Protein backbone atom coordinates (compact mmCIF):
# COMPACT_ATOMS: atom_id res chain seq x y z
CA MET A 1 44.65 70.64 17.13
CA THR A 2 41.90 68.10 16.53
CA THR A 3 43.19 64.52 16.64
CA LEU A 4 42.20 61.66 14.37
CA ARG A 5 40.42 60.03 17.28
CA GLN A 6 38.40 63.17 18.00
CA GLU A 7 37.31 63.44 14.36
CA TYR A 8 36.48 59.74 14.31
CA ASP A 9 34.39 59.92 17.49
CA GLU A 10 32.45 62.92 16.21
CA ASN A 11 31.88 61.93 12.59
CA GLY A 12 32.36 58.16 12.50
CA TYR A 13 35.33 58.53 10.14
CA CYS A 14 38.53 60.50 9.67
CA ILE A 15 41.37 60.82 7.14
CA ALA A 16 45.13 60.51 7.60
CA ARG A 17 46.82 62.21 4.65
CA ASN A 18 50.12 60.88 3.23
CA ALA A 19 50.05 57.93 5.62
CA ILE A 20 52.29 55.80 3.42
CA ASP A 21 54.83 56.74 0.75
CA ALA A 22 54.30 56.64 -3.00
CA GLN A 23 56.45 53.53 -3.49
CA LEU A 24 54.41 51.40 -1.10
CA ALA A 25 51.16 52.68 -2.63
CA SER A 26 52.50 51.77 -6.07
CA GLU A 27 53.43 48.29 -4.86
CA MET A 28 49.84 47.86 -3.67
CA VAL A 29 48.66 48.51 -7.23
CA GLU A 30 51.24 46.06 -8.60
CA HIS A 31 50.01 43.49 -6.06
CA VAL A 32 46.43 43.83 -7.30
CA HIS A 33 47.50 43.17 -10.89
CA TRP A 34 49.74 40.29 -9.74
CA LEU A 35 46.81 38.71 -7.88
CA CYS A 36 44.47 39.25 -10.83
CA ASP A 37 46.90 37.45 -13.15
CA ARG A 38 46.99 34.46 -10.78
CA HIS A 39 43.30 34.41 -10.01
CA PRO A 40 41.63 35.38 -13.30
CA ASP A 41 38.23 34.11 -12.13
CA VAL A 42 38.16 36.51 -9.17
CA ARG A 43 36.98 40.05 -9.77
CA PRO A 44 39.46 42.69 -8.50
CA GLU A 45 36.75 43.98 -6.13
CA ARG A 46 36.82 40.60 -4.36
CA LEU A 47 40.50 39.94 -3.68
CA GLY A 48 40.01 38.82 -0.10
CA HIS A 49 41.88 37.71 2.97
CA GLY A 50 42.20 34.06 1.99
CA LEU A 51 44.28 34.98 -1.07
CA MET A 52 46.70 37.08 0.97
CA VAL A 53 47.06 35.77 4.52
CA ASN A 54 50.15 33.74 3.52
CA ASP A 55 51.55 36.37 1.15
CA PRO A 56 54.80 38.01 2.34
CA PHE A 57 53.97 41.36 0.73
CA MET A 58 50.65 41.54 2.58
CA HIS A 59 52.39 40.73 5.88
CA ARG A 60 54.95 43.45 5.15
CA LEU A 61 52.19 45.93 4.32
CA VAL A 62 49.78 45.35 7.19
CA ARG A 63 52.64 45.40 9.71
CA ASP A 64 54.01 48.70 8.38
CA GLY A 65 54.66 50.85 11.43
CA ARG A 66 52.88 53.87 9.97
CA LEU A 67 49.63 51.94 9.52
CA VAL A 68 49.87 50.16 12.86
CA ASP A 69 50.54 53.51 14.57
CA ILE A 70 47.23 54.75 13.18
CA ALA A 71 45.36 51.61 14.24
CA ALA A 72 46.86 51.78 17.73
CA GLN A 73 45.27 55.21 18.27
CA PHE A 74 41.90 53.46 18.20
CA LEU A 75 42.74 50.02 19.57
CA GLY A 76 45.60 50.35 22.04
CA PRO A 77 49.08 48.78 22.01
CA ASN A 78 48.22 45.15 21.14
CA VAL A 79 47.17 45.11 17.48
CA ALA A 80 46.37 42.31 15.05
CA MET A 81 44.96 42.38 11.53
CA PHE A 82 41.74 40.39 11.27
CA ALA A 83 41.11 40.65 7.52
CA ALA A 84 42.43 42.32 4.39
CA HIS A 85 40.38 42.94 1.26
CA TYR A 86 41.29 44.76 -1.94
CA ILE A 87 38.32 46.54 -3.48
CA ALA A 88 39.91 47.44 -6.80
CA LYS A 89 37.69 48.80 -9.56
CA ARG A 90 38.64 48.46 -13.19
CA PRO A 91 38.14 51.44 -15.51
CA ALA A 92 34.54 51.77 -16.75
CA THR A 93 33.38 48.40 -15.34
CA GLY A 94 34.30 48.66 -11.65
CA GLN A 95 31.38 47.63 -9.49
CA ALA A 96 29.50 49.66 -6.90
CA VAL A 97 29.49 48.78 -3.20
CA GLN A 98 25.97 48.92 -1.78
CA TRP A 99 25.14 50.83 1.39
CA HIS A 100 26.10 48.71 4.38
CA GLN A 101 27.58 48.59 7.88
CA ASP A 102 30.82 46.60 8.08
CA GLY A 103 30.03 45.07 11.46
CA SER A 104 27.01 43.25 10.01
CA TYR A 105 29.38 40.87 8.18
CA TRP A 106 32.12 40.27 10.75
CA PRO A 107 32.47 37.42 13.28
CA LEU A 108 33.97 39.54 16.06
CA GLU A 109 33.23 39.59 19.80
CA PRO A 110 33.21 42.36 20.85
CA MET A 111 32.90 44.52 17.70
CA ASP A 112 36.10 46.38 18.60
CA VAL A 113 37.74 47.06 15.24
CA ALA A 114 39.24 49.92 13.23
CA THR A 115 39.05 49.75 9.44
CA LEU A 116 41.84 51.49 7.55
CA TRP A 117 40.97 52.11 3.89
CA VAL A 118 44.35 52.55 2.16
CA ALA A 119 44.41 54.29 -1.21
CA GLY A 120 46.78 52.75 -3.74
CA THR A 121 45.58 55.13 -6.45
CA GLU A 122 43.67 58.38 -6.42
CA SER A 123 40.09 57.74 -5.27
CA THR A 124 37.64 60.34 -6.55
CA ILE A 125 33.95 60.77 -7.27
CA GLY A 126 34.60 59.73 -10.87
CA THR A 127 36.46 56.55 -9.96
CA GLY A 128 33.86 55.50 -7.38
CA CYS A 129 35.31 56.69 -4.07
CA MET A 130 33.84 55.62 -0.75
CA ARG A 131 30.83 57.58 0.50
CA VAL A 132 29.74 57.78 4.14
CA LEU A 133 26.67 58.99 6.01
CA PRO A 134 28.12 60.93 8.97
CA GLY A 135 26.44 60.31 12.30
CA THR A 136 25.12 56.87 11.38
CA GLN A 137 27.85 55.30 13.52
CA ASN A 138 25.36 55.87 16.36
CA ARG A 139 22.68 53.69 14.76
CA ARG A 140 21.92 50.09 15.62
CA LEU A 141 24.04 47.51 13.82
CA LEU A 142 21.83 45.52 11.47
CA LYS A 143 21.95 41.73 11.31
CA ARG A 144 22.54 40.02 7.98
CA SER A 145 19.01 38.63 8.18
CA GLU A 146 17.69 42.20 8.05
CA MET A 147 19.42 42.97 4.74
CA VAL A 148 18.49 42.07 1.18
CA ALA A 149 20.25 40.12 -1.57
CA LEU A 150 21.53 42.23 -4.45
CA ASP A 151 22.70 41.57 -8.01
CA PRO A 152 26.28 40.21 -7.76
CA ASP A 153 27.01 41.45 -11.28
CA LYS A 154 26.33 45.01 -10.17
CA TYR A 155 27.35 45.12 -6.51
CA VAL A 156 30.44 43.86 -4.68
CA LEU A 157 28.79 42.45 -1.55
CA GLY A 158 26.19 39.71 -1.65
CA VAL A 159 23.74 41.48 0.64
CA GLY A 160 23.22 45.08 1.69
CA MET A 161 20.81 47.55 3.21
CA ARG A 162 17.42 48.25 1.67
CA SER A 163 17.61 51.35 -0.53
CA ASP A 164 14.33 52.60 0.96
CA ASP A 165 16.05 52.78 4.36
CA ILE A 166 18.74 55.16 3.12
CA ASP A 167 18.62 58.92 2.72
CA ASP A 168 21.88 59.76 0.94
CA GLY A 169 21.24 63.50 0.76
CA ASP A 170 23.95 64.11 3.38
CA ALA A 171 26.46 61.61 1.99
CA VAL A 172 30.11 62.70 2.09
CA ASN A 173 32.51 61.63 -0.67
CA ILE A 174 35.84 60.45 0.76
CA GLU A 175 38.26 61.58 -1.94
CA LEU A 176 41.81 60.40 -1.37
CA ARG A 177 45.20 60.67 -3.00
CA ALA A 178 47.47 57.64 -3.34
CA GLY A 179 48.98 57.00 0.09
CA ASP A 180 46.11 58.56 2.04
CA VAL A 181 44.16 56.46 4.55
CA SER A 182 40.60 56.84 5.80
CA ILE A 183 39.48 55.23 9.03
CA HIS A 184 35.86 54.38 9.67
CA ASN A 185 33.63 52.97 12.39
CA PRO A 186 32.19 49.44 11.88
CA THR A 187 28.63 50.78 12.32
CA ILE A 188 28.75 53.83 10.02
CA ILE A 189 26.70 53.39 6.84
CA HIS A 190 28.87 53.65 3.74
CA GLY A 191 29.22 52.44 0.17
CA SER A 192 30.51 53.59 -3.21
CA ASN A 193 29.37 54.11 -6.76
CA ALA A 194 30.63 52.28 -9.83
CA ASN A 195 33.84 53.39 -11.52
CA THR A 196 32.79 55.13 -14.72
CA SER A 197 36.20 56.67 -15.43
CA ASP A 198 39.07 55.51 -17.62
CA ARG A 199 41.32 54.95 -14.56
CA TRP A 200 41.73 52.18 -11.99
CA ARG A 201 40.63 52.78 -8.41
CA VAL A 202 42.64 50.61 -6.03
CA GLY A 203 41.79 50.54 -2.35
CA LEU A 204 42.72 48.11 0.41
CA THR A 205 40.61 47.66 3.52
CA LEU A 206 42.57 46.53 6.58
CA ARG A 207 40.46 45.48 9.56
CA TYR A 208 42.63 45.83 12.65
CA ILE A 209 41.53 44.50 16.03
CA PRO A 210 42.97 44.49 19.54
CA THR A 211 44.20 41.04 20.55
CA THR A 212 41.41 40.95 23.16
CA THR A 213 38.77 40.70 20.41
CA LYS A 214 37.80 37.14 19.52
CA VAL A 215 37.29 35.99 15.94
CA THR A 216 34.45 33.48 16.17
CA THR A 217 35.07 31.79 12.81
CA GLU A 218 36.97 28.62 13.64
CA GLY A 219 40.41 28.39 12.08
CA HIS A 220 40.48 31.96 10.77
CA ALA A 221 44.10 33.18 10.70
CA ASN A 222 44.90 36.72 11.80
CA ILE A 223 48.20 38.53 11.32
CA MET A 224 49.91 39.70 14.50
CA CYS A 225 51.16 43.25 14.09
CA ARG A 226 52.28 44.69 17.45
CA GLY A 227 52.32 43.95 21.16
CA ALA A 228 51.20 40.76 22.85
CA ILE A 229 48.85 37.94 21.94
CA VAL A 230 46.19 37.20 24.56
CA ALA A 231 46.30 33.41 24.59
CA GLU A 232 43.03 32.89 26.47
CA VAL A 233 41.09 34.64 23.69
CA GLY A 234 41.91 31.67 21.46
CA ASN A 235 42.56 33.41 18.15
CA SER A 236 44.74 31.82 15.47
CA TYR A 237 47.65 33.65 13.85
CA ALA A 238 49.41 33.04 10.54
CA GLU A 239 53.14 32.45 10.61
CA ARG A 240 55.32 34.97 8.83
CA PRO A 241 55.67 33.59 5.28
CA ALA A 242 59.04 33.34 3.59
CA TYR A 243 59.49 35.09 0.24
CA VAL A 244 60.02 32.64 -2.62
CA GLU A 245 61.20 34.06 -5.93
CA GLY A 246 58.81 33.13 -8.71
CA GLU A 247 56.08 32.20 -6.24
CA HIS A 248 55.50 35.63 -4.68
CA MET A 249 55.45 39.17 -6.01
CA PRO A 250 58.82 40.88 -5.57
CA PHE A 251 58.72 44.04 -3.45
CA SER A 252 61.12 46.48 -1.85
CA GLY A 253 62.92 44.68 0.96
CA CYS A 254 61.74 41.21 -0.03
CA GLU A 255 65.32 39.96 0.38
CA ALA A 256 64.84 40.21 4.14
CA TRP A 257 61.90 37.79 3.86
CA VAL A 258 63.89 34.99 2.19
CA GLU A 259 64.10 31.97 4.49
CA ASP A 260 67.62 31.30 5.73
CA VAL A 261 68.02 27.63 6.63
CA ASP A 262 70.52 28.46 9.36
CA HIS A 263 68.80 31.63 10.56
CA PRO A 264 65.08 31.37 9.81
CA SER A 265 63.07 34.57 9.79
CA LYS A 266 61.13 35.25 12.96
CA PRO A 267 57.35 35.73 12.95
């Protein structure tokens, strides 16, 4: 039977069906709406790492054993989460994501990373699912200086690849059900169209790295997920946040995240 890693190595992406259960996928959707209520000036396509690195639900989610098991197939036993980013598209007005290579934006040395795209809702052609160009994982990784600025009212990312450089005739639509996960290479060219449907499309990108990969942005906080920290690499890690009623979104099992003065929760 072909493994996820074999599919990934051949095509630059693969799909793990039913990776998480319906309840956790539903809580992801609730979390997007919760964040939108608290950050009304931030578009739901741009709910980034800084809004979630101290959020107990995000720590619970990214450290879920089912997701870390997938990441470990590509990274080995010592796994951290470098960055989380919801790209949630509202009905009818959800923005497109221009063609790009993830590694062009990331401060990682080396570029050893596995991106898990977790579907909180169904992601289809109509709702603006991710599209990939298979085989482009073997192309050179472009620098940001080689890309062009694009209209921020139309596209999610500030810069992207020149449209003249892209032949999307062989593009593959990555259609997912809620709870499915796609995994893609940091060099593969991918993007997505706008959401023209009457339904939300909620996706969460989790960028997992081995603890031997250095994040070169000073002070950036990762989330430790499994195994051992490599101290000489010099990465920073967020402490496990305590759940505070009224301050954080309630979620299944949040009681275990409440800080006990006599027996504080361990990171």
